[in-house]
PDB file of N, CA and C in Angstrom:
ATOM      1  N   UNK A   1       1.439  -1.266  -0.290  1.00  0.00           N
ATOM      2  CA  UNK A   1      -0.238  -0.085  -0.014  1.00  0.00           C
ATOM      3  C   UNK A   1       1.182   0.926   0.075  1.00  0.00           C
ATOM      4  N   UNK A   2      -0.233   2.352   0.294  1.00  0.00           N
ATOM      5  CA  UNK A   2       1.341   3.243   0.125  1.00  0.00           C
ATOM      6  C   UNK A   2       1.300   4.442   1.880  1.00  0.00           C
ATOM      7  N   UNK A   3       2.048   4.875   1.847  1.00  0.00           N
ATOM      8  CA  UNK A   3       2.659   5.155   3.118  1.00  0.00           C
ATOM      9  C   UNK A   3       1.749   6.280   3.233  1.00  0.00           C
ATOM     10  N   UNK A   4       0.972   7.431   2.305  1.00  0.00           N
ATOM     11  CA  UNK A   4       0.052   8.684   2.444  1.00  0.00           C
ATOM     12  C   UNK A   4      -1.394   8.145   2.599  1.00  0.00           C
ATOM     13  N   UNK A   5      -1.783   8.890   3.251  1.00  0.00           N
ATOM     14  CA  UNK A   5      -3.213   8.873   3.013  1.00  0.00           C
ATOM     15  C   UNK A   5      -3.785   9.887   1.948  1.00  0.00           C
ATOM     16  N   UNK A   6      -5.138   8.893   0.982  1.00  0.00           N
ATOM     17  CA  UNK A   6      -5.374   9.518  -0.190  1.00  0.00           C
ATOM     18  C   UNK A   6      -7.154  10.628   0.199  1.00  0.00           C
ATOM     19  N   UNK A   7      -6.921  11.542   0.441  1.00  0.00           N
ATOM     20  CA  UNK A   7      -8.044  12.260   0.974  1.00  0.00           C
ATOM     21  C   UNK A   7      -9.639  11.308  -0.112  1.00  0.00           C
ATOM     22  N   UNK A   8     -10.536  11.690   1.024  1.00  0.00           N
ATOM     23  CA  UNK A   8     -11.603  11.256   0.306  1.00  0.00           C
ATOM     24  C   UNK A   8     -12.165  12.075  -1.292  1.00  0.00           C
ATOM     25  N   UNK A   9     -12.355  13.885  -0.725  1.00  0.00           N
ATOM     26  CA  UNK A   9     -12.534  14.340  -1.534  1.00  0.00           C
ATOM     27  C   UNK A   9     -11.968  14.053  -2.897  1.00  0.00           C
ATOM     28  N   UNK A  10     -10.713  14.014  -3.172  1.00  0.00           N
ATOM     29  CA  UNK A  10     -10.160  13.601  -4.302  1.00  0.00           C
ATOM     30  C   UNK A  10     -10.679  11.972  -4.525  1.00  0.00           C
ATOM     31  N   UNK A  11     -10.328  10.997  -4.260  1.00  0.00           N
ATOM     32  CA  UNK A  11     -10.805   9.548  -4.496  1.00  0.00           C
ATOM     33  C   UNK A  11     -12.568  10.190  -4.801  1.00  0.00           C
ATOM     34  N   UNK A  12     -13.206  10.703  -4.835  1.00  0.00           N
ATOM     35  CA  UNK A  12     -15.057  10.707  -5.515  1.00  0.00           C
ATOM     36  C   UNK A  12     -14.516  11.515  -6.809  1.00  0.00           C
ATOM     37  N   UNK A  13     -14.067  12.177  -7.015  1.00  0.00           N
ATOM     38  CA  UNK A  13     -14.050  12.986  -7.867  1.00  0.00           C
ATOM     39  C   UNK A  13     -13.130  11.976  -8.825  1.00  0.00           C
ATOM     40  N   UNK A  14     -12.051  11.145  -8.764  1.00  0.00           N
ATOM     41  CA  UNK A  14     -11.142  10.524  -9.403  1.00  0.00           C
ATOM     42  C   UNK A  14     -12.884   8.928  -9.473  1.00  0.00           C
ATOM     43  N   UNK A  15     -13.528   9.018  -8.641  1.00  0.00           N
ATOM     44  CA  UNK A  15     -14.520   7.999  -9.542  1.00  0.00           C
ATOM     45  C   UNK A  15     -15.531   8.397 -10.170  1.00  0.00           C
ATOM     46  N   UNK A  16     -15.638   9.418 -10.183  1.00  0.00           N
ATOM     47  CA  UNK A  16     -16.584  10.351 -10.949  1.00  0.00           C
ATOM     48  C   UNK A  16     -15.841  10.071 -12.457  1.00  0.00           C
ATOM     49  N   UNK A  17     -14.684   9.633 -12.356  1.00  0.00           N
ATOM     50  CA  UNK A  17     -14.567   9.804 -14.504  1.00  0.00           C
ATOM     51  C   UNK A  17     -14.048   7.985 -14.675  1.00  0.00           C
ATOM     52  N   UNK A  18     -14.305   7.102 -13.362  1.00  0.00           N
ATOM     53  CA  UNK A  18     -13.992   5.965 -13.871  1.00  0.00           C
ATOM     54  C   UNK A  18     -15.201   4.826 -14.003  1.00  0.00           C
ATOM     55  N   UNK A  19     -15.828   4.430 -15.566  1.00  0.00           N
ATOM     56  CA  UNK A  19     -16.596   4.068 -15.214  1.00  0.00           C
ATOM     57  C   UNK A  19     -17.009   2.734 -15.636  1.00  0.00           C
ATOM     58  N   UNK A  20     -15.599   2.312 -14.770  1.00  0.00           N
ATOM     59  CA  UNK A  20     -15.858   0.767 -14.344  1.00  0.00           C
ATOM     60  C   UNK A  20     -15.822   0.355 -13.271  1.00  0.00           C
ATOM     61  N   UNK A  21     -15.515   1.411 -12.546  1.00  0.00           N
ATOM     62  CA  UNK A  21     -15.472   1.551 -10.863  1.00  0.00           C
ATOM     63  C   UNK A  21     -16.890   0.626 -10.228  1.00  0.00           C
ATOM     64  N   UNK A  22     -16.433  -0.159  -9.103  1.00  0.00           N
ATOM     65  CA  UNK A  22     -18.050  -0.450  -8.455  1.00  0.00           C
ATOM     66  C   UNK A  22     -18.445   0.796  -7.083  1.00  0.00           C
ATOM     67  N   UNK A  23     -19.195   0.300  -6.642  1.00  0.00           N
ATOM     68  CA  UNK A  23     -19.427   0.842  -5.585  1.00  0.00           C
ATOM     69  C   UNK A  23     -18.866   0.359  -4.301  1.00  0.00           C
ATOM     70  N   UNK A  24     -17.190   0.230  -4.231  1.00  0.00           N
ATOM     71  CA  UNK A  24     -16.612  -0.519  -3.628  1.00  0.00           C
ATOM     72  C   UNK A  24     -15.599   0.862  -3.366  1.00  0.00           C
ATOM     73  N   UNK A  25     -14.815   0.760  -2.369  1.00  0.00           N
ATOM     74  CA  UNK A  25     -13.293   1.393  -2.118  1.00  0.00           C
ATOM     75  C   UNK A  25     -12.209   1.678  -2.838  1.00  0.00           C
ATOM     76  N   UNK A  26     -12.024   2.641  -3.338  1.00  0.00           N
ATOM     77  CA  UNK A  26     -10.967   3.103  -4.384  1.00  0.00           C
ATOM     78  C   UNK A  26      -9.723   1.896  -3.439  1.00  0.00           C
ATOM     79  N   UNK A  27      -9.028   1.426  -4.101  1.00  0.00           N
ATOM     80  CA  UNK A  27      -7.650   1.099  -2.929  1.00  0.00           C
ATOM     81  C   UNK A  27      -6.593   1.729  -3.996  1.00  0.00           C
ATOM     82  N   UNK A  28      -5.440   1.863  -3.302  1.00  0.00           N
ATOM     83  CA  UNK A  28      -4.008   2.460  -3.865  1.00  0.00           C
ATOM     84  C   UNK A  28      -4.042   2.188  -5.099  1.00  0.00           C
ATOM     85  N   UNK A  29      -3.916   1.232  -5.158  1.00  0.00           N
ATOM     86  CA  UNK A  29      -2.699   0.424  -6.240  1.00  0.00           C
ATOM     87  C   UNK A  29      -3.359   0.050  -7.653  1.00  0.00           C
ATOM     88  N   UNK A  30      -5.035   0.493  -7.703  1.00  0.00           N
ATOM     89  CA  UNK A  30      -6.303   0.168  -8.878  1.00  0.00           C
ATOM     90  C   UNK A  30      -5.847   0.694  -9.899  1.00  0.00           C
ATOM     91  N   UNK A  31      -5.613  -0.283 -10.486  1.00  0.00           N
ATOM     92  CA  UNK A  31      -4.646   0.361 -12.434  1.00  0.00           C
ATOM     93  C   UNK A  31      -6.305   1.066 -12.565  1.00  0.00           C
ATOM     94  N   UNK A  32      -6.009   2.721 -13.004  1.00  0.00           N
ATOM     95  CA  UNK A  32      -6.817   3.412 -13.511  1.00  0.00           C
ATOM     96  C   UNK A  32      -7.461   2.980 -14.933  1.00  0.00           C
ATOM     97  N   UNK A  33      -6.621   2.517 -15.943  1.00  0.00           N
ATOM     98  CA  UNK A  33      -6.881   1.502 -17.165  1.00  0.00           C
ATOM     99  C   UNK A  33      -7.602   1.212 -17.252  1.00  0.00           C
ATOM    100  N   UNK A  34      -7.483   0.041 -16.022  1.00  0.00           N
ATOM    101  CA  UNK A  34      -8.429  -1.058 -15.902  1.00  0.00           C
ATOM    102  C   UNK A  34      -9.961  -0.996 -15.238  1.00  0.00           C
ATOM    103  N   UNK A  35      -9.998  -0.034 -15.127  1.00  0.00           N
ATOM    104  CA  UNK A  35     -10.840   1.473 -14.070  1.00  0.00           C
ATOM    105  C   UNK A  35     -11.752   2.246 -15.359  1.00  0.00           C
ATOM    106  N   UNK A  36     -11.035   2.372 -16.495  1.00  0.00           N
ATOM    107  CA  UNK A  36     -12.209   3.302 -17.528  1.00  0.00           C
ATOM    108  C   UNK A  36     -11.438   4.607 -18.051  1.00  0.00           C
ATOM    109  N   UNK A  37     -10.238   4.295 -16.821  1.00  0.00           N
ATOM    110  CA  UNK A  37      -9.991   6.000 -17.332  1.00  0.00           C
ATOM    111  C   UNK A  37      -9.395   6.084 -18.794  1.00  0.00           C
ATOM    112  N   UNK A  38      -9.564   7.156 -19.837  1.00  0.00           N
ATOM    113  CA  UNK A  38      -8.586   6.969 -20.818  1.00  0.00           C
ATOM    114  C   UNK A  38      -8.565   7.905 -21.485  1.00  0.00           C
ATOM    115  N   UNK A  39      -8.195   8.376 -22.426  1.00  0.00           N
ATOM    116  CA  UNK A  39      -7.067   9.739 -22.847  1.00  0.00           C
ATOM    117  C   UNK A  39      -8.210  10.676 -22.729  1.00  0.00           C
ATOM    118  N   UNK A  40      -9.553  10.734 -22.836  1.00  0.00           N
ATOM    119  CA  UNK A  40     -10.400  11.860 -22.988  1.00  0.00           C
ATOM    120  C   UNK A  40     -11.102  12.017 -21.682  1.00  0.00           C
ATOM    121  N   UNK A  41     -11.139  10.704 -20.779  1.00  0.00           N
ATOM    122  CA  UNK A  41     -11.277  11.060 -19.349  1.00  0.00           C
ATOM    123  C   UNK A  41      -9.920  12.148 -18.251  1.00  0.00           C
ATOM    124  N   UNK A  42      -8.642  11.377 -19.160  1.00  0.00           N
ATOM    125  CA  UNK A  42      -8.197  12.012 -18.379  1.00  0.00           C
ATOM    126  C   UNK A  42      -7.776  13.484 -18.615  1.00  0.00           C
ATOM    127  N   UNK A  43      -8.640  14.454 -19.569  1.00  0.00           N
ATOM    128  CA  UNK A  43      -8.603  15.576 -19.780  1.00  0.00           C
ATOM    129  C   UNK A  43      -9.379  15.765 -18.852  1.00  0.00           C
ATOM    130  N   UNK A  44     -10.915  15.768 -18.766  1.00  0.00           N
ATOM    131  CA  UNK A  44     -12.001  16.064 -17.946  1.00  0.00           C
ATOM    132  C   UNK A  44     -11.016  15.968 -16.811  1.00  0.00           C
ATOM    133  N   UNK A  45     -11.232  14.489 -16.189  1.00  0.00           N
ATOM    134  CA  UNK A  45     -10.006  14.617 -14.181  1.00  0.00           C
ATOM    135  C   UNK A  45      -9.493  15.676 -14.383  1.00  0.00           C
ATOM    136  N   UNK A  46      -8.250  16.078 -15.005  1.00  0.00           N
ATOM    137  CA  UNK A  46      -8.051  16.746 -14.863  1.00  0.00           C
ATOM    138  C   UNK A  46      -8.138  18.577 -14.577  1.00  0.00           C
ATOM    139  N   UNK A  47      -8.771  18.512 -15.634  1.00  0.00           N
ATOM    140  CA  UNK A  47     -10.088  20.009 -15.953  1.00  0.00           C
ATOM    141  C   UNK A  47     -10.526  20.393 -14.434  1.00  0.00           C
ATOM    142  N   UNK A  48     -11.041  19.246 -13.985  1.00  0.00           N
ATOM    143  CA  UNK A  48     -12.246  18.815 -12.239  1.00  0.00           C
ATOM    144  C   UNK A  48     -11.320  19.001 -11.121  1.00  0.00           C
ATOM    145  N   UNK A  49     -10.419  18.662 -11.710  1.00  0.00           N
ATOM    146  CA  UNK A  49      -8.952  18.601 -10.789  1.00  0.00           C
ATOM    147  C   UNK A  49      -8.777  20.137 -10.110  1.00  0.00           C
ATOM    148  N   UNK A  50      -7.950  20.521 -11.872  1.00  0.00           N
ATOM    149  CA  UNK A  50      -7.587  21.875 -11.488  1.00  0.00           C
ATOM    150  C   UNK A  50      -9.154  22.909 -10.871  1.00  0.00           C
ATOM    151  N   UNK A  51      -9.859  22.897 -11.475  1.00  0.00           N
ATOM    152  CA  UNK A  51     -10.778  23.834 -10.969  1.00  0.00           C
ATOM    153  C   UNK A  51     -10.889  23.842  -9.011  1.00  0.00           C
ATOM    154  N   UNK A  52     -11.186  22.290  -8.426  1.00  0.00           N
ATOM    155  CA  UNK A  52     -11.727  21.949  -7.272  1.00  0.00           C
ATOM    156  C   UNK A  52     -10.302  22.759  -5.893  1.00  0.00           C
ATOM    157  N   UNK A  53      -8.819  22.096  -6.685  1.00  0.00           N
ATOM    158  CA  UNK A  53      -8.068  22.918  -6.427  1.00  0.00           C
ATOM    159  C   UNK A  53      -7.234  23.930  -6.521  1.00  0.00           C
ATOM    160  N   UNK A  54      -7.916  24.786  -7.699  1.00  0.00           N
ATOM    161  CA  UNK A  54      -7.221  25.835  -8.310  1.00  0.00           C
ATOM    162  C   UNK A  54      -5.621  26.047  -8.269  1.00  0.00           C
ATOM    163  N   UNK A  55      -5.629  24.830  -8.920  1.00  0.00           N
ATOM    164  CA  UNK A  55      -4.253  24.652  -9.083  1.00  0.00           C
ATOM    165  C   UNK A  55      -4.028  24.564 -10.958  1.00  0.00           C
ATOM    166  N   UNK A  56      -2.841  24.039 -11.536  1.00  0.00           N
ATOM    167  CA  UNK A  56      -2.337  24.376 -13.052  1.00  0.00           C
ATOM    168  C   UNK A  56      -1.420  22.981 -12.811  1.00  0.00           C
ATOM    169  N   UNK A  57      -1.841  22.339 -13.199  1.00  0.00           N
ATOM    170  CA  UNK A  57      -1.358  20.809 -13.630  1.00  0.00           C
ATOM    171  C   UNK A  57      -0.561  21.324 -15.163  1.00  0.00           C
ATOM    172  N   UNK A  58       0.836  20.872 -14.600  1.00  0.00           N
ATOM    173  CA  UNK A  58       1.682  20.863 -15.569  1.00  0.00           C
ATOM    174  C   UNK A  58       1.486  19.304 -16.328  1.00  0.00           C
ATOM    175  N   UNK A  59       2.185  20.215 -17.989  1.00  0.00           N
ATOM    176  CA  UNK A  59       2.474  18.944 -18.818  1.00  0.00           C
ATOM    177  C   UNK A  59       3.407  17.612 -18.799  1.00  0.00           C
ATOM    178  N   UNK A  60       4.441  17.980 -17.717  1.00  0.00           N
ATOM    179  CA  UNK A  60       5.965  17.567 -17.282  1.00  0.00           C
ATOM    180  C   UNK A  60       5.416  16.087 -16.553  1.00  0.00           C
ATOM    181  N   UNK A  61       4.160  16.598 -15.913  1.00  0.00           N
ATOM    182  CA  UNK A  61       3.768  15.607 -15.184  1.00  0.00           C
ATOM    183  C   UNK A  61       2.424  14.567 -15.487  1.00  0.00           C
ATOM    184  N   UNK A  62       1.937  14.810 -17.292  1.00  0.00           N
ATOM    185  CA  UNK A  62       0.675  14.249 -17.524  1.00  0.00           C
ATOM    186  C   UNK A  62       1.850  12.489 -18.582  1.00  0.00           C
ATOM    187  N   UNK A  63       2.063  11.488 -18.007  1.00  0.00           N
ATOM    188  CA  UNK A  63       2.162  10.992 -18.978  1.00  0.00           C
ATOM    189  C   UNK A  63       1.620   9.588 -18.194  1.00  0.00           C
ATOM    190  N   UNK A  64       1.782   7.968 -18.536  1.00  0.00           N
ATOM    191  CA  UNK A  64       1.545   7.288 -18.171  1.00  0.00           C
ATOM    192  C   UNK A  64       1.738   6.756 -16.946  1.00  0.00           C
ATOM    193  N   UNK A  65       2.699   6.809 -16.369  1.00  0.00           N
ATOM    194  CA  UNK A  65       3.364   6.577 -14.892  1.00  0.00           C
ATOM    195  C   UNK A  65       2.091   6.935 -14.680  1.00  0.00           C
ATOM    196  N   UNK A  66       2.261   8.587 -14.067  1.00  0.00           N
ATOM    197  CA  UNK A  66       1.508   9.253 -12.925  1.00  0.00           C
ATOM    198  C   UNK A  66      -0.102   8.890 -12.854  1.00  0.00           C
ATOM    199  N   UNK A  67      -0.368   8.385 -14.271  1.00  0.00           N
ATOM    200  CA  UNK A  67      -2.006   7.717 -14.252  1.00  0.00           C
ATOM    201  C   UNK A  67      -2.286   6.205 -14.166  1.00  0.00           C
ATOM    202  N   UNK A  68      -1.307   5.284 -13.969  1.00  0.00           N
ATOM    203  CA  UNK A  68      -1.158   4.211 -13.858  1.00  0.00           C
ATOM    204  C   UNK A  68      -2.114   3.755 -12.806  1.00  0.00           C
ATOM    205  N   UNK A  69      -1.902   4.226 -11.343  1.00  0.00           N
ATOM    206  CA  UNK A  69      -2.591   3.556 -10.224  1.00  0.00           C
ATOM    207  C   UNK A  69      -3.676   5.057 -10.061  1.00  0.00           C
ATOM    208  N   UNK A  70      -4.164   4.601  -8.430  1.00  0.00           N
ATOM    209  CA  UNK A  70      -5.072   5.750  -8.015  1.00  0.00           C
ATOM    210  C   UNK A  70      -3.656   6.638  -6.910  1.00  0.00           C
ATOM    211  N   UNK A  71      -2.949   5.415  -6.412  1.00  0.00           N
ATOM    212  CA  UNK A  71      -1.685   6.065  -5.716  1.00  0.00           C
ATOM    213  C   UNK A  71      -0.781   7.077  -6.016  1.00  0.00           C
ATOM    214  N   UNK A  72      -0.493   6.518  -7.611  1.00  0.00           N
ATOM    215  CA  UNK A  72       0.768   7.167  -8.782  1.00  0.00           C
ATOM    216  C   UNK A  72      -0.208   8.635  -8.999  1.00  0.00           C
ATOM    217  N   UNK A  73      -0.941   8.633  -9.263  1.00  0.00           N
ATOM    218  CA  UNK A  73      -2.093   9.874  -9.823  1.00  0.00           C
ATOM    219  C   UNK A  73      -1.918  11.081  -8.515  1.00  0.00           C
ATOM    220  N   UNK A  74      -2.382  10.746  -7.205  1.00  0.00           N
ATOM    221  CA  UNK A  74      -1.888  10.663  -6.328  1.00  0.00           C
ATOM    222  C   UNK A  74      -0.720  12.171  -5.822  1.00  0.00           C
ATOM    223  N   UNK A  75      -0.023  11.382  -5.662  1.00  0.00           N
ATOM    224  CA  UNK A  75       1.552  11.239  -5.086  1.00  0.00           C
ATOM    225  C   UNK A  75       1.975  12.263  -6.190  1.00  0.00           C
ATOM    226  N   UNK A  76       1.309  12.128  -7.356  1.00  0.00           N
ATOM    227  CA  UNK A  76       1.753  13.330  -8.616  1.00  0.00           C
ATOM    228  C   UNK A  76       1.702  14.521  -8.873  1.00  0.00           C
ATOM    229  N   UNK A  77      -0.251  14.339  -7.914  1.00  0.00           N
ATOM    230  CA  UNK A  77      -0.952  16.173  -7.959  1.00  0.00           C
ATOM    231  C   UNK A  77      -0.687  16.476  -6.737  1.00  0.00           C
ATOM    232  N   UNK A  78      -0.625  15.394  -5.456  1.00  0.00           N
ATOM    233  CA  UNK A  78      -0.823  16.331  -4.358  1.00  0.00           C
ATOM    234  C   UNK A  78       0.061  17.183  -3.895  1.00  0.00           C
ATOM    235  N   UNK A  79       1.650  17.357  -4.147  1.00  0.00           N
ATOM    236  CA  UNK A  79       2.399  18.326  -4.112  1.00  0.00           C
ATOM    237  C   UNK A  79       1.285  19.831  -4.787  1.00  0.00           C
ATOM    238  N   UNK A  80       0.866  19.396  -5.362  1.00  0.00           N
ATOM    239  CA  UNK A  80       0.044  20.613  -6.030  1.00  0.00           C
ATOM    240  C   UNK A  80      -1.146  21.140  -5.758  1.00  0.00           C
ATOM    241  N   UNK A  81      -1.813  20.461  -4.594  1.00  0.00           N
ATOM    242  CA  UNK A  81      -3.036  21.149  -4.533  1.00  0.00           C
ATOM    243  C   UNK A  81      -3.206  21.645  -3.030  1.00  0.00           C
ATOM    244  N   UNK A  82      -3.410  22.879  -2.860  1.00  0.00           N
ATOM    245  CA  UNK A  82      -3.323  23.811  -1.996  1.00  0.00           C
ATOM    246  C   UNK A  82      -4.669  23.505  -0.754  1.00  0.00           C
ATOM    247  N   UNK A  83      -5.485  22.964  -1.211  1.00  0.00           N
ATOM    248  CA  UNK A  83      -6.537  22.864   0.191  1.00  0.00           C
ATOM    249  C   UNK A  83      -6.977  21.074   0.363  1.00  0.00           C
ATOM    250  N   UNK A  84      -7.076  21.257   1.388  1.00  0.00           N
ATOM    251  CA  UNK A  84      -7.562  19.683   1.235  1.00  0.00           C
ATOM    252  C   UNK A  84      -8.852  19.198   0.614  1.00  0.00           C
TER     253      UNK A  84
END
């Protein structure tokens, strides 16, 4: 697992962009592509996260590694987040 906690607010936004997620809890190791996050979903997710947290997501972190799992996405984005 991870050594950090992923906020529920982040998980709720993420969940809304995962068409194949069930009603269960998202795990840090859940595969985002396997849960239906595609390239258009990534774009919509980034816009929603930027709006929610008031940040600009840099192009340098927009790659497959960032969007591999719930934990990898949070690890890449959490330093940018300005509010819980």
